[in-house]
């Protein structure tokens, strides 16, 4: 099991990676090719106390996206939030020409700005490395232009306008990233639809094996683990492709099962609620009515009347 090393500041990151002292203590754009890689780097897990946004090229290994492997020529964009644990895999080809940049932003730089609060709404900071954003040349040019503006701004003499200008550029960058992720969900149909198919299979197996009685209603985390993606990524993907979150998919599956029980068995509403993993009949009845506009008994009666 690897040890975990925490990097508390932008300056400490520069020092550990063999970089010059940063121009600004709370924000820095680092050239990826300038970072010194030590032999034991992949043996340690890392935790940052600041945000890291990066694009890198020249990755000679295949990159895993969901459960599919692809060779990509596009820039690969990653988002890491403070407190997340990650590992850096050793490059199998040390001679490969890596390029790109890392934008490091300490939360203190965002203090007392709207972005300090709204940055948490960008769910891709909770995606795993396997769910990175792959940019086209055109998209990468847009992002690189924003980064260069940020770099020039903090390299110049900082004045009372500098923070606002940089924050505005950061907001623009995050907005574009959200747009590009939305595009990626739609355009990478094969892998995304494979995830949808596997999600249906996981839910079907869970219901068929009576796991509802043993373990209760499956959680989004359970489904994400079974599909080998992060919970945030799963919900984001489903929201774009189907208009529903992972939680809504679970509820829909429960209602399907409930309707089957109500229409084909003589089980009481309480017995059906228990069979579907609900601790309380009231919770089951409330969900059923919210989804169907009928109580379970009213649904059963309407079914028998027809």
Foldseek 3Di string as FASTA:
>chain_A
DAEEDEDEWPQSVCVVQVHPGALDGFKHKFKPQSGHDDPCQQRYKYFYQWKKKKWKAQQPDWAAAQNDTDDDRFIWIAIAGGPDIDGDDDRPDPVTDMTIIMMTGHLVLCPPHPCNVCVVVLLRNVWDSNNIFGDDPVLVVVLVVLVVVLNVLSNPPDDPCSSVSNVVSVVVNSVSVVVRSLVVLPPVCPSLVVLVVVLVVVLVVCLVVLVCLVPNQDDLCNSCVVSVIHSSVQQVSCCSPPVGGPVVVSLVVLLVQLLCCLAPHPDDLQVSCNSRNHPDSVVVQVSNCVVPVDGSVRSSVVNVVD
